[in-house]
Amino acid sequence: DCGAPVRRHTREADIVFTGALGAPNLYRVYQTMATKGRKFDQPNPFSNPVDREIYEAHRRFVEVMEEHRLGSISAGTKAQYLHIMRTLAEKLAVPSKPLAEIVGEVMAEAAPLLFAAMQR
């Protein structure tokens, strides 16, 4: 449970999100990504056709989220989404953890959020 987000306006365009887990300022996260450059600006590095397709699906996901979805998602939903994405990335970063175990853990955590969203 990431807790209910608390909004603090630091500037008109910036909203700081903090919850039980202390989710960072989303504006700062996006600003940092922009200054570092994006991985997907580089050519597809894979030679295996399936790996290339996965890379392109990830690239498209990021593109669609940034261009079409982030601006229309509520602050509370963004905080929950960020928590789930961070959890998934942290679990995927452990090479010894089986993918099936990761999927089960993340789905168990995300399921209540998905069901709540479906009922709106």
N, C-alpha and C. Protein backbone atom coordinates (compact mmCIF):
# COMPACT_ATOMS: atom_id res chain seq x y z
N ASP A 1 0.86 -1.17 0.00
CA ASP A 1 0.00 0.00 0.00
C ASP A 1 0.90 1.23 0.00
N CYS A 2 0.76 2.07 -1.01
CA CYS A 2 1.63 3.24 -1.10
C CYS A 2 1.06 4.43 -0.35
N GLY A 3 -0.09 4.30 0.25
CA GLY A 3 -0.68 5.40 1.02
C GLY A 3 -1.29 6.43 0.11
N ALA A 4 -2.11 7.27 0.68
CA ALA A 4 -2.74 8.33 -0.10
C ALA A 4 -1.73 9.41 -0.40
N PRO A 5 -1.64 9.85 -1.65
CA PRO A 5 -0.67 10.88 -1.99
C PRO A 5 -1.04 12.21 -1.36
N VAL A 6 -0.02 12.96 -1.05
CA VAL A 6 -0.20 14.31 -0.51
C VAL A 6 0.37 15.26 -1.53
N ARG A 7 -0.38 16.30 -1.87
CA ARG A 7 0.09 17.25 -2.87
C ARG A 7 0.67 18.47 -2.16
N ARG A 8 1.83 18.90 -2.63
CA ARG A 8 2.40 20.16 -2.20
C ARG A 8 2.84 20.87 -3.46
N HIS A 9 2.38 22.08 -3.66
CA HIS A 9 2.76 22.83 -4.85
C HIS A 9 4.08 23.54 -4.59
N THR A 10 5.10 23.19 -5.38
CA THR A 10 6.39 23.85 -5.24
C THR A 10 6.52 24.97 -6.27
N ARG A 11 5.92 24.79 -7.40
CA ARG A 11 5.75 25.80 -8.44
C ARG A 11 4.42 25.45 -9.09
N GLU A 12 3.92 26.30 -9.93
CA GLU A 12 2.63 25.99 -10.55
C GLU A 12 2.66 24.66 -11.30
N ALA A 13 3.75 24.39 -12.01
CA ALA A 13 3.81 23.19 -12.85
C ALA A 13 4.30 21.96 -12.10
N ASP A 14 4.82 22.12 -10.89
CA ASP A 14 5.41 21.00 -10.16
C ASP A 14 4.50 20.58 -9.02
N ILE A 15 4.26 19.28 -8.90
CA ILE A 15 3.51 18.76 -7.76
C ILE A 15 4.38 17.68 -7.14
N VAL A 16 4.65 17.78 -5.85
CA VAL A 16 5.44 16.79 -5.15
C VAL A 16 4.48 15.74 -4.59
N PHE A 17 4.76 14.48 -4.86
CA PHE A 17 3.94 13.39 -4.36
C PHE A 17 4.70 12.67 -3.27
N THR A 18 4.10 12.55 -2.11
CA THR A 18 4.69 11.73 -1.06
C THR A 18 3.59 10.88 -0.48
N GLY A 19 3.90 9.64 -0.21
CA GLY A 19 2.95 8.73 0.40
C GLY A 19 3.67 7.96 1.48
N ALA A 20 3.10 6.85 1.89
CA ALA A 20 3.71 6.05 2.94
C ALA A 20 5.11 5.60 2.55
N LEU A 21 5.34 5.39 1.24
CA LEU A 21 6.65 4.96 0.78
C LEU A 21 7.53 6.11 0.33
N GLY A 22 7.04 7.33 0.43
CA GLY A 22 7.85 8.48 0.07
C GLY A 22 8.13 8.56 -1.42
N ALA A 23 7.13 8.36 -2.27
CA ALA A 23 7.33 8.46 -3.71
C ALA A 23 7.90 9.85 -4.03
N PRO A 24 8.91 9.94 -4.89
CA PRO A 24 9.57 11.21 -5.14
C PRO A 24 8.75 12.14 -6.03
N ASN A 25 9.22 13.31 -6.19
CA ASN A 25 8.61 14.31 -7.06
C ASN A 25 8.62 13.78 -8.49
N LEU A 26 7.44 13.54 -9.06
CA LEU A 26 7.36 12.99 -10.41
C LEU A 26 7.95 13.94 -11.44
N TYR A 27 7.74 15.22 -11.24
CA TYR A 27 8.31 16.20 -12.17
C TYR A 27 9.82 16.06 -12.22
N ARG A 28 10.44 15.92 -11.05
CA ARG A 28 11.89 15.79 -10.98
C ARG A 28 12.35 14.51 -11.68
N VAL A 29 11.59 13.42 -11.52
CA VAL A 29 11.94 12.17 -12.18
C VAL A 29 11.94 12.35 -13.69
N TYR A 30 10.88 12.97 -14.23
CA TYR A 30 10.80 13.17 -15.67
C TYR A 30 11.87 14.13 -16.16
N GLN A 31 12.14 15.16 -15.37
CA GLN A 31 13.16 16.13 -15.74
C GLN A 31 14.53 15.45 -15.79
N THR A 32 14.83 14.58 -14.83
CA THR A 32 16.10 13.85 -14.80
C THR A 32 16.21 12.94 -16.02
N MET A 33 15.10 12.26 -16.36
CA MET A 33 15.12 11.40 -17.55
C MET A 33 15.45 12.21 -18.79
N ALA A 34 14.87 13.38 -18.91
CA ALA A 34 15.08 14.21 -20.09
C ALA A 34 16.52 14.69 -20.18
N THR A 35 17.15 15.04 -19.05
CA THR A 35 18.52 15.54 -19.11
C THR A 35 19.53 14.43 -19.37
N LYS A 36 19.20 13.20 -18.98
CA LYS A 36 20.12 12.08 -19.21
C LYS A 36 19.97 11.51 -20.62
N GLY A 37 18.92 11.85 -21.31
CA GLY A 37 18.65 11.24 -22.61
C GLY A 37 17.89 9.95 -22.38
N ARG A 38 17.25 9.48 -23.38
CA ARG A 38 16.45 8.27 -23.25
C ARG A 38 17.11 7.12 -23.98
N LYS A 39 17.04 5.97 -23.37
CA LYS A 39 17.61 4.75 -23.95
C LYS A 39 17.04 4.50 -25.35
N PHE A 40 15.77 4.79 -25.52
CA PHE A 40 15.11 4.47 -26.78
C PHE A 40 15.49 5.42 -27.92
N ASP A 41 16.28 6.44 -27.62
CA ASP A 41 16.79 7.31 -28.68
C ASP A 41 17.91 6.61 -29.46
N GLN A 42 18.42 5.52 -28.91
CA GLN A 42 19.49 4.77 -29.53
C GLN A 42 18.90 3.70 -30.46
N PRO A 43 19.68 3.22 -31.43
CA PRO A 43 19.19 2.14 -32.30
C PRO A 43 18.91 0.87 -31.49
N ASN A 44 18.00 0.06 -31.97
CA ASN A 44 17.67 -1.21 -31.32
C ASN A 44 18.94 -2.06 -31.27
N PRO A 45 19.41 -2.44 -30.05
CA PRO A 45 20.69 -3.12 -29.91
C PRO A 45 20.64 -4.64 -30.09
N PHE A 46 19.45 -5.20 -30.31
CA PHE A 46 19.33 -6.65 -30.32
C PHE A 46 19.32 -7.22 -31.74
N SER A 47 19.85 -8.44 -31.86
CA SER A 47 19.84 -9.11 -33.17
C SER A 47 18.75 -10.19 -33.24
N ASN A 48 18.41 -10.79 -32.10
CA ASN A 48 17.36 -11.80 -32.06
C ASN A 48 16.03 -11.13 -32.40
N PRO A 49 15.27 -11.67 -33.36
CA PRO A 49 14.01 -11.03 -33.78
C PRO A 49 13.01 -10.83 -32.64
N VAL A 50 12.87 -11.79 -31.74
CA VAL A 50 11.92 -11.64 -30.64
C VAL A 50 12.41 -10.57 -29.67
N ASP A 51 13.71 -10.54 -29.39
CA ASP A 51 14.27 -9.50 -28.52
C ASP A 51 14.05 -8.12 -29.13
N ARG A 52 14.20 -8.02 -30.44
CA ARG A 52 13.97 -6.74 -31.14
C ARG A 52 12.51 -6.31 -30.98
N GLU A 53 11.59 -7.26 -31.11
CA GLU A 53 10.17 -6.93 -30.95
C GLU A 53 9.84 -6.50 -29.53
N ILE A 54 10.43 -7.16 -28.54
CA ILE A 54 10.22 -6.77 -27.14
C ILE A 54 10.75 -5.35 -26.92
N TYR A 55 11.94 -5.07 -27.43
CA TYR A 55 12.52 -3.73 -27.31
C TYR A 55 11.59 -2.69 -27.92
N GLU A 56 11.05 -2.98 -29.10
CA GLU A 56 10.15 -2.04 -29.77
C GLU A 56 8.83 -1.88 -29.02
N ALA A 57 8.34 -2.96 -28.41
CA ALA A 57 7.11 -2.86 -27.60
C ALA A 57 7.36 -1.98 -26.38
N HIS A 58 8.52 -2.12 -25.75
CA HIS A 58 8.86 -1.26 -24.61
C HIS A 58 8.98 0.20 -25.06
N ARG A 59 9.63 0.41 -26.18
CA ARG A 59 9.79 1.77 -26.71
C ARG A 59 8.42 2.40 -26.97
N ARG A 60 7.54 1.65 -27.58
CA ARG A 60 6.20 2.15 -27.90
C ARG A 60 5.40 2.44 -26.63
N PHE A 61 5.53 1.57 -25.63
CA PHE A 61 4.86 1.78 -24.35
C PHE A 61 5.26 3.12 -23.74
N VAL A 62 6.56 3.38 -23.68
CA VAL A 62 7.07 4.63 -23.11
C VAL A 62 6.56 5.82 -23.93
N GLU A 63 6.61 5.69 -25.23
CA GLU A 63 6.15 6.77 -26.12
C GLU A 63 4.68 7.11 -25.87
N VAL A 64 3.83 6.10 -25.82
CA VAL A 64 2.40 6.30 -25.64
C VAL A 64 2.11 6.88 -24.25
N MET A 65 2.77 6.36 -23.22
CA MET A 65 2.55 6.88 -21.88
C MET A 65 2.93 8.36 -21.81
N GLU A 66 4.07 8.72 -22.36
CA GLU A 66 4.53 10.10 -22.29
C GLU A 66 3.68 11.05 -23.13
N GLU A 67 3.31 10.61 -24.32
CA GLU A 67 2.61 11.51 -25.24
C GLU A 67 1.09 11.57 -25.01
N HIS A 68 0.50 10.47 -24.55
CA HIS A 68 -0.96 10.42 -24.54
C HIS A 68 -1.60 10.18 -23.18
N ARG A 69 -0.91 9.57 -22.25
CA ARG A 69 -1.60 9.14 -21.02
C ARG A 69 -1.23 9.92 -19.77
N LEU A 70 0.05 10.22 -19.56
CA LEU A 70 0.46 10.82 -18.29
C LEU A 70 -0.29 12.11 -17.96
N GLY A 71 -0.55 12.90 -18.96
CA GLY A 71 -1.25 14.16 -18.73
C GLY A 71 -2.68 14.00 -18.28
N SER A 72 -3.28 12.85 -18.53
CA SER A 72 -4.69 12.66 -18.20
C SER A 72 -4.93 11.76 -16.98
N ILE A 73 -3.87 11.30 -16.35
CA ILE A 73 -4.00 10.41 -15.20
C ILE A 73 -4.00 11.23 -13.91
N SER A 74 -4.89 10.89 -12.99
CA SER A 74 -4.97 11.62 -11.72
C SER A 74 -3.71 11.43 -10.89
N ALA A 75 -3.48 12.35 -9.98
CA ALA A 75 -2.29 12.30 -9.12
C ALA A 75 -2.27 11.01 -8.29
N GLY A 76 -3.41 10.60 -7.76
CA GLY A 76 -3.47 9.37 -6.97
C GLY A 76 -3.13 8.14 -7.79
N THR A 77 -3.66 8.08 -8.99
CA THR A 77 -3.38 6.95 -9.87
C THR A 77 -1.92 6.95 -10.27
N LYS A 78 -1.34 8.12 -10.53
CA LYS A 78 0.08 8.20 -10.88
C LYS A 78 0.95 7.66 -9.74
N ALA A 79 0.62 8.00 -8.51
CA ALA A 79 1.39 7.52 -7.36
C ALA A 79 1.32 5.99 -7.26
N GLN A 80 0.14 5.43 -7.47
CA GLN A 80 -0.02 3.98 -7.43
C GLN A 80 0.72 3.32 -8.57
N TYR A 81 0.61 3.88 -9.76
CA TYR A 81 1.29 3.35 -10.94
C TYR A 81 2.80 3.37 -10.73
N LEU A 82 3.31 4.48 -10.23
CA LEU A 82 4.74 4.61 -9.98
C LEU A 82 5.22 3.55 -9.00
N HIS A 83 4.45 3.32 -7.96
CA HIS A 83 4.81 2.31 -6.97
C HIS A 83 4.89 0.92 -7.61
N ILE A 84 3.89 0.57 -8.40
CA ILE A 84 3.87 -0.75 -9.05
C ILE A 84 5.03 -0.88 -10.04
N MET A 85 5.29 0.15 -10.83
CA MET A 85 6.38 0.08 -11.81
C MET A 85 7.74 -0.03 -11.12
N ARG A 86 7.92 0.71 -10.03
CA ARG A 86 9.18 0.62 -9.28
C ARG A 86 9.35 -0.77 -8.69
N THR A 87 8.29 -1.31 -8.11
CA THR A 87 8.34 -2.65 -7.53
C THR A 87 8.73 -3.67 -8.59
N LEU A 88 8.09 -3.59 -9.75
CA LEU A 88 8.39 -4.51 -10.84
C LEU A 88 9.85 -4.38 -11.27
N ALA A 89 10.34 -3.17 -11.45
CA ALA A 89 11.72 -2.96 -11.89
C ALA A 89 12.72 -3.49 -10.85
N GLU A 90 12.44 -3.26 -9.57
CA GLU A 90 13.34 -3.76 -8.52
C GLU A 90 13.39 -5.28 -8.52
N LYS A 91 12.25 -5.91 -8.70
CA LYS A 91 12.22 -7.37 -8.71
C LYS A 91 12.91 -7.93 -9.96
N LEU A 92 12.69 -7.28 -11.10
CA LEU A 92 13.33 -7.73 -12.34
C LEU A 92 14.86 -7.58 -12.27
N ALA A 93 15.35 -6.67 -11.46
CA ALA A 93 16.78 -6.42 -11.34
C ALA A 93 17.52 -7.51 -10.57
N VAL A 94 16.79 -8.43 -9.95
CA VAL A 94 17.41 -9.53 -9.21
C VAL A 94 17.50 -10.72 -10.16
N PRO A 95 18.68 -10.99 -10.74
CA PRO A 95 18.81 -12.04 -11.75
C PRO A 95 18.41 -13.43 -11.27
N SER A 96 18.58 -13.71 -9.99
CA SER A 96 18.28 -15.06 -9.49
C SER A 96 16.80 -15.28 -9.21
N LYS A 97 15.99 -14.23 -9.28
CA LYS A 97 14.56 -14.37 -8.98
C LYS A 97 13.83 -14.85 -10.24
N PRO A 98 13.13 -15.97 -10.16
CA PRO A 98 12.40 -16.48 -11.33
C PRO A 98 11.30 -15.52 -11.79
N LEU A 99 11.15 -15.40 -13.09
CA LEU A 99 10.15 -14.51 -13.66
C LEU A 99 8.74 -14.85 -13.19
N ALA A 100 8.42 -16.14 -13.08
CA ALA A 100 7.09 -16.55 -12.62
C ALA A 100 6.82 -16.04 -11.21
N GLU A 101 7.84 -16.06 -10.35
CA GLU A 101 7.69 -15.56 -8.98
C GLU A 101 7.46 -14.04 -8.99
N ILE A 102 8.19 -13.33 -9.83
CA ILE A 102 8.04 -11.88 -9.96
C ILE A 102 6.62 -11.54 -10.40
N VAL A 103 6.15 -12.21 -11.43
CA VAL A 103 4.81 -11.94 -11.95
C VAL A 103 3.76 -12.19 -10.87
N GLY A 104 3.88 -13.29 -10.14
CA GLY A 104 2.92 -13.60 -9.08
C GLY A 104 2.90 -12.54 -7.99
N GLU A 105 4.08 -12.09 -7.57
CA GLU A 105 4.15 -11.08 -6.51
C GLU A 105 3.60 -9.73 -6.97
N VAL A 106 3.96 -9.33 -8.17
CA VAL A 106 3.50 -8.02 -8.66
C VAL A 106 2.00 -8.05 -8.95
N MET A 107 1.52 -9.15 -9.49
CA MET A 107 0.08 -9.25 -9.76
C MET A 107 -0.72 -9.24 -8.45
N ALA A 108 -0.21 -9.90 -7.42
CA ALA A 108 -0.91 -9.90 -6.13
C ALA A 108 -1.00 -8.48 -5.57
N GLU A 109 0.03 -7.70 -5.77
CA GLU A 109 0.03 -6.32 -5.28
C GLU A 109 -0.82 -5.41 -6.16
N ALA A 110 -0.80 -5.63 -7.47
CA ALA A 110 -1.51 -4.75 -8.40
C ALA A 110 -2.99 -5.11 -8.55
N ALA A 111 -3.36 -6.34 -8.29
CA ALA A 111 -4.74 -6.79 -8.52
C ALA A 111 -5.79 -5.92 -7.85
N PRO A 112 -5.65 -5.58 -6.57
CA PRO A 112 -6.68 -4.72 -5.96
C PRO A 112 -6.81 -3.36 -6.66
N LEU A 113 -5.70 -2.82 -7.12
CA LEU A 113 -5.74 -1.54 -7.84
C LEU A 113 -6.45 -1.69 -9.18
N LEU A 114 -6.18 -2.80 -9.86
CA LEU A 114 -6.82 -3.04 -11.16
C LEU A 114 -8.32 -3.23 -11.00
N PHE A 115 -8.73 -4.00 -10.00
CA PHE A 115 -10.16 -4.22 -9.76
C PHE A 115 -10.86 -2.92 -9.39
N ALA A 116 -10.22 -2.09 -8.58
CA ALA A 116 -10.80 -0.80 -8.21
C ALA A 116 -10.97 0.09 -9.44
N ALA A 117 -9.97 0.08 -10.32
CA ALA A 117 -10.05 0.90 -11.54
C ALA A 117 -11.16 0.41 -12.46
N MET A 118 -11.39 -0.89 -12.51
CA MET A 118 -12.44 -1.45 -13.38
C MET A 118 -13.83 -1.08 -12.87
N GLN A 119 -13.98 -0.81 -11.60
CA GLN A 119 -15.29 -0.51 -11.02
C GLN A 119 -15.65 0.96 -11.14
N ARG A 120 -14.74 1.79 -11.60
CA ARG A 120 -15.03 3.23 -11.74
C ARG A 120 -15.87 3.49 -12.95
